[in-house]
C-alpha atoms as a PDB file:
ATOM      1  CA  MET A   1      -0.371  -0.157  -0.084  1.00  0.00           C
ATOM      2  CA  ALA A   2       1.044   3.234  -0.587  1.00  0.00           C
ATOM      3  CA  ALA A   3       0.107   4.724   3.019  1.00  0.00           C
ATOM      4  CA  LYS A   4       0.073   3.844   5.891  1.00  0.00           C
ATOM      5  CA  THR A   5      -2.864   4.626   8.510  1.00  0.00           C
ATOM      6  CA  GLU A   6      -2.114   7.247  10.950  1.00  0.00           C
ATOM      7  CA  ASP A   7      -3.434   5.394  13.908  1.00  0.00           C
ATOM      8  CA  GLN A   8      -0.735   2.266  14.322  1.00  0.00           C
ATOM      9  CA  SER A   9      -2.204   0.660  17.792  1.00  0.00           C
ATOM     10  CA  LEU A  10      -5.272  -0.581  16.007  1.00  0.00           C
ATOM     11  CA  THR A  11      -5.395  -4.268  16.871  1.00  0.00           C
ATOM     12  CA  ILE A  12      -7.120  -6.236  13.667  1.00  0.00           C
ATOM     13  CA  PRO A  13      -8.640  -9.816  14.334  1.00  0.00           C
ATOM     14  CA  SER A  14      -6.665 -12.528  11.983  1.00  0.00           C
ATOM     15  CA  LEU A  15      -9.066 -13.634   9.337  1.00  0.00           C
ATOM     16  CA  GLU A  16      -9.615 -16.744   9.988  1.00  0.00           C
ATOM     17  CA  ASN A  17     -12.117 -14.950  12.940  1.00  0.00           C
ATOM     18  CA  TRP A  18     -14.482 -13.530  10.777  1.00  0.00           C
ATOM     19  CA  PRO A  19     -17.237 -15.310   9.575  1.00  0.00           C
ATOM     20  CA  LYS A  20     -17.007 -17.020   5.641  1.00  0.00           C
ATOM     21  CA  MET A  21     -18.201 -14.962   2.928  1.00  0.00           C
ATOM     22  CA  SER A  22     -20.074 -17.186   0.952  1.00  0.00           C
ATOM     23  CA  ASN A  23     -19.325 -21.120   0.945  1.00  0.00           C
ATOM     24  CA  GLY A  24     -18.308 -22.055  -2.276  1.00  0.00           C
ATOM     25  CA  GLY A  25     -21.503 -24.042  -3.281  1.00  0.00           C
ATOM     26  CA  GLY A  26     -22.599 -24.264  -6.680  1.00  0.00           C
ATOM     27  CA  THR A  27     -21.274 -26.423  -9.684  1.00  0.00           C
ATOM     28  CA  GLY A  28     -17.648 -25.616 -10.687  1.00  0.00           C
ATOM     29  CA  GLY A  29     -16.898 -23.940  -7.223  1.00  0.00           C
ATOM     30  CA  PRO A  30     -15.319 -23.134  -4.503  1.00  0.00           C
ATOM     31  CA  TYR A  31     -13.440 -20.498  -6.330  1.00  0.00           C
ATOM     32  CA  ILE A  32     -11.046 -17.404  -4.254  1.00  0.00           C
ATOM     33  CA  VAL A  33     -10.116 -13.660  -5.162  1.00  0.00           C
ATOM     34  CA  ILE A  34      -6.563 -12.899  -4.118  1.00  0.00           C
ATOM     35  CA  VAL A  35      -5.616  -9.499  -4.118  1.00  0.00           C
ATOM     36  CA  TYR A  36      -1.664  -8.607  -4.834  1.00  0.00           C
ATOM     37  CA  ASN A  37      -0.313  -5.308  -3.323  1.00  0.00           C
ATOM     38  CA  ASP A  38       1.364  -2.548  -5.485  1.00  0.00           C
ATOM     39  CA  ASP A  39       2.976   0.971  -3.974  1.00  0.00           C
ATOM     40  CA  TYR A  40      -0.325   2.629  -6.101  1.00  0.00           C
ATOM     41  CA  HIS A  41      -3.634   2.264  -4.024  1.00  0.00           C
ATOM     42  CA  THR A  42      -3.243   3.997  -0.190  1.00  0.00           C
ATOM     43  CA  PHE A  43      -4.682   1.644   2.382  1.00  0.00           C
ATOM     44  CA  ASP A  44      -8.592   4.019   2.285  1.00  0.00           C
ATOM     45  CA  GLU A  45      -8.859   3.525  -1.908  1.00  0.00           C
ATOM     46  CA  VAL A  46      -8.615  -0.900  -1.322  1.00  0.00           C
ATOM     47  CA  ILE A  47     -11.445  -0.566   1.936  1.00  0.00           C
ATOM     48  CA  LEU A  48     -13.422   1.670   0.087  1.00  0.00           C
ATOM     49  CA  GLN A  49     -13.400  -0.578  -2.967  1.00  0.00           C
ATOM     50  CA  MET A  50     -13.135  -3.977  -0.409  1.00  0.00           C
ATOM     51  CA  GLN A  51     -16.581  -2.868   0.462  1.00  0.00           C
ATOM     52  CA  LYS A  52     -17.921  -1.980  -2.365  1.00  0.00           C
ATOM     53  CA  ALA A  53     -17.170  -5.640  -3.986  1.00  0.00           C
ATOM     54  CA  ILE A  54     -17.655  -7.814  -1.412  1.00  0.00           C
ATOM     55  CA  GLY A  55     -20.003  -5.846   0.854  1.00  0.00           C
ATOM     56  CA  CYS A  56     -17.967  -5.217   4.197  1.00  0.00           C
ATOM     57  CA  THR A  57     -17.348  -3.432   6.917  1.00  0.00           C
ATOM     58  CA  TYR A  58     -14.093  -0.498   7.149  1.00  0.00           C
ATOM     59  CA  GLU A  59     -12.787  -2.913   9.889  1.00  0.00           C
ATOM     60  CA  HIS A  60     -13.216  -6.021   7.633  1.00  0.00           C
ATOM     61  CA  GLY A  61     -11.595  -4.003   5.082  1.00  0.00           C
ATOM     62  CA  LEU A  62      -9.141  -2.762   7.009  1.00  0.00           C
ATOM     63  CA  ALA A  63      -7.610  -6.047   7.986  1.00  0.00           C
ATOM     64  CA  ILE A  64      -7.716  -6.809   4.320  1.00  0.00           C
ATOM     65  CA  ALA A  65      -5.696  -3.866   3.413  1.00  0.00           C
ATOM     66  CA  VAL A  66      -3.284  -4.915   6.189  1.00  0.00           C
ATOM     67  CA  GLU A  67      -3.014  -8.797   5.324  1.00  0.00           C
ATOM     68  CA  ILE A  68      -2.149  -7.525   1.976  1.00  0.00           C
ATOM     69  CA  ASP A  69       0.403  -4.984   2.322  1.00  0.00           C
ATOM     70  CA  ARG A  70       2.293  -7.363   5.036  1.00  0.00           C
ATOM     71  CA  ASP A  71       1.798 -10.784   3.504  1.00  0.00           C
ATOM     72  CA  GLY A  72       2.257  -8.957  -0.409  1.00  0.00           C
ATOM     73  CA  ARG A  73      -1.202 -10.811  -1.010  1.00  0.00           C
ATOM     74  CA  CYS A  74      -5.140 -11.928   0.533  1.00  0.00           C
ATOM     75  CA  VAL A  75      -8.163 -13.945  -0.217  1.00  0.00           C
ATOM     76  CA  VAL A  76     -10.390 -11.953  -0.497  1.00  0.00           C
ATOM     77  CA  PHE A  77     -13.895 -13.784  -1.219  1.00  0.00           C
ATOM     78  CA  ALA A  78     -14.694 -17.655  -2.041  1.00  0.00           C
ATOM     79  CA  GLY A  79     -17.653 -18.531  -3.555  1.00  0.00           C
ATOM     80  CA  THR A  80     -18.888 -20.082  -7.299  1.00  0.00           C
ATOM     81  CA  GLN A  81     -16.753 -19.197 -10.366  1.00  0.00           C
ATOM     82  CA  ASP A  82     -19.222 -15.983 -11.329  1.00  0.00           C
ATOM     83  CA  GLU A  83     -19.744 -14.916  -8.096  1.00  0.00           C
ATOM     84  CA  CYS A  84     -15.028 -14.546  -8.018  1.00  0.00           C
ATOM     85  CA  GLU A  85     -15.394 -13.029 -11.179  1.00  0.00           C
ATOM     86  CA  HIS A  86     -17.821 -10.634 -10.547  1.00  0.00           C
ATOM     87  CA  VAL A  87     -16.149  -9.866  -7.215  1.00  0.00           C
ATOM     88  CA  ALA A  88     -13.062  -9.673  -9.160  1.00  0.00           C
ATOM     89  CA  ALA A  89     -14.494  -6.930 -11.796  1.00  0.00           C
ATOM     90  CA  VAL A  90     -15.125  -4.774  -8.908  1.00  0.00           C
ATOM     91  CA  LEU A  91     -11.803  -4.815  -7.422  1.00  0.00           C
ATOM     92  CA  ARG A  92      -9.534  -4.297 -11.274  1.00  0.00           C
ATOM     93  CA  GLU A  93     -12.057  -1.041 -11.447  1.00  0.00           C
ATOM     94  CA  ILE A  94      -9.584   1.151  -9.319  1.00  0.00           C
ATOM     95  CA  ARG A  95      -6.662  -1.086 -11.264  1.00  0.00           C
ATOM     96  CA  LEU A  96      -6.460  -3.479  -8.516  1.00  0.00           C
ATOM     97  CA  GLN A  97      -3.746  -6.446  -9.380  1.00  0.00           C
ATOM     98  CA  VAL A  98      -6.365  -9.705  -8.772  1.00  0.00           C
ATOM     99  CA  GLU A  99      -6.842 -13.427  -9.815  1.00  0.00           C
ATOM    100  CA  THR A 100      -9.538 -15.450  -9.579  1.00  0.00           C
ATOM    101  CA  ASP A 101      -8.659 -19.718  -8.971  1.00  0.00           C
ATOM    102  CA  LYS A 102     -10.548 -22.502  -8.189  1.00  0.00           C
ATOM    103  CA  ALA A 103      -9.492 -23.591  -4.399  1.00  0.00           C
ATOM    104  CA  ILE A 104      -7.314 -26.360  -3.999  1.00  0.00           C
END
């Protein structure tokens, strides 16, 4: 991410503690959406686009942005192939580097 948020003292839960967004039901699923880190987007840009793409809260979007920044990538959604392609398309609206793949 290009810029850090001002409050570095936030405690962010791990992704394992969040409720599942989708269980990937449907034929050909489950698929995942992966977002990669870059030096162009701010945390706020990523958070707002996550809210738009997957309907998450600000806090969830912040935790995703932190994980992307820390680990270089993050699985942000799991679902059917069509759901994942839709989420990826929304994330690509601001030129985030996104990949969809079949979950292992």
